[in-house]
Amino acid sequence: MNKADKPYRQTLSGSIKAGMGAVFSPGSRRYYILEHKITSKYHRAGEAQEIIVDNIELGRDSHCQVRFDESFVTVSRHHAAIVRDGDMWKLVQVSKTNSTLLNGRPVTTEWYLQNGDEIQLSVNGPKLGFIIPAGKKGTVGSIALTRRLSLFRQQALRPYKTALAVLATILLLLAGGGGYAMWRLGSENSRLNLAMEESVRRQTELQMQNDSISREVVARTEDISRMEARLTELSQRPQHALPQTGGGSVASVTVDNDAINRCIGQVYFIASLGYEVTTSEGKRVTIECGSGDDKVPGWCGTGFMLDDGRFVTAHHVVEPWFYPISGGEVDKTALQLNIWANNGCKVEAVLVAMSSTGKRLTLRSSQFSCIRSGKEQHDEEGHRIVIKYSGPTDYAVCRVGGSGLPYNGTASRSLDRGVKLTVLGFPLGIGADSNGIKPIYGSAITSADGLTDGMILTTDTNYEHGNSGGPVLMTNADGDLEVVGIVSGSVGNNMGLITPISVIN
């Protein structure tokens, strides 16, 4: 039935809210596929594009979730839209100059779609097949979580990415003041001025959009509903019923202070001193961490020495700009540093690491071996952005020499569910003050056998920000503590994500 109750408009509910629902509560929610029938710059013939949000746009504009390049002159920048209506979807005509055809017939306002329909953007324009997968394969829950997260970023966040990038730049400059004078150099200057001019015009709109965008999730884990069921089952068991660990490890039930005290001197508090940014022309700018108009906020974390002379922490402690989205919030400073680091500038963090023994290390991020590849994106001005999340590549290692903690890479890959783990570090910076450096005890229990998506999953996890990069230890058969992991991140209130120590071998 052809109907036009009210004009179409892109909505946050149909994009961000629907995308979040598809990621976290897929249930029996259904999705559809757009099958591209011709090859273009952004899509190949035969490509099946899964759509999990409630409304999308088709056109040449960079904000469109289904985008066509400039060679399609009869495709408007905002040509058509597909919008969920209850259990159905409808095709909406958006362009005022170019037609949209459904099975060869023009759509004047909107029309409900059926499985197998063919959509064409203007006469002789690109064609797409509309497909609703049958049965359980047609539910969003049948799509792997990592794929759903990727689709969320592509479809739910795409209409608002300009707002995010521009607002992040403006807020960073307001916070950083003169510390960012490097933007007056060369081509960076012109790009910044354009961004500032646009921000004045769109300030109110950008603030509203940023509030919704900031709910991006950081975790790459297995299906959330299945994981929650495992955690619920585990939390309801009495402690004595937890299975004993295999692979040479023993589940601890009490705190062994003697074993912990033997480890404390090898656990380091890490604090940021600042950044050094070198432009492509070789000009260097120093940015200090701290309070004041010419400084940026600092951060802290945990690191530790291994018995082979290597110093270990999390990658996001050493180079936080690769992780600008954390805990559902966008870190404006990290996002801007990410743009610099991936577009011709060299960004280097300067860190200090201190232990209870009085040992002090001054470290630079360039000293560490890290995996610096991740999800690549581009903003409206073409800047390359590389984003990483908590995962098996969230580690950083450098060799400094000296003694340290024993570690067990084999056991880190094969822990049984129910193993009690010891976590040492500086949650919220606690343990590093005028009274000295002394790491705080924490604990966690493995919630799954072996590794899940390359990570050790834990429940009853009581570490906080500041524990990142710290050692996660198991008690071996001799009653000694051995490192099996590195604190990477968390999901919810008590689920932990631990990078296995085997990744550094």
Foldseek 3Di string as FASTA:
>chain_A
DADDPDADDDDLCQFLVQLVCLQAPQDQAFWKWKAWCDDAPVDHHRDTHIARGFKFFEFCAQLGLHHGHVVQVLTHRGAWMWGDDPNWIKIAGDDPPFFKDKQRHTRPGMGTDDAQIKIATHVVGTIIGIHQDDDPCRTSVVDWSVVSLVNSCSTRCSNQQQLVLLVLVVVCCQQQPPLVVCCCDDPSVVVNVVSVVVCVVCVVVSVVSQVSQLQRDFDDFTRPVVLVVLQVVVVPDDLVPFDAKDPQFGFDDDDDVVQVVVAQQFKKKKKFQWKWKAALVGDIGTAGADDDNNHHHIAIAMWGAAQVQKIKFWQCNFQVLQAQRDPSGGNSVSVVVQLRCQPGMPMKIWMWIAGQVGDIDIDISVQKDADSAADWDAGPVGGIGHHHHQAQRGMIMHGDDDGTFAADLVCLQFIAFFGKKKAWWQAVNPQDDPVGHTTDIWIWTFSHGGDTRQWGKTFPGPGHRRSGTTFIWTQGPVRHTHGQFGFGGADPDGIGTTRGPNSVD
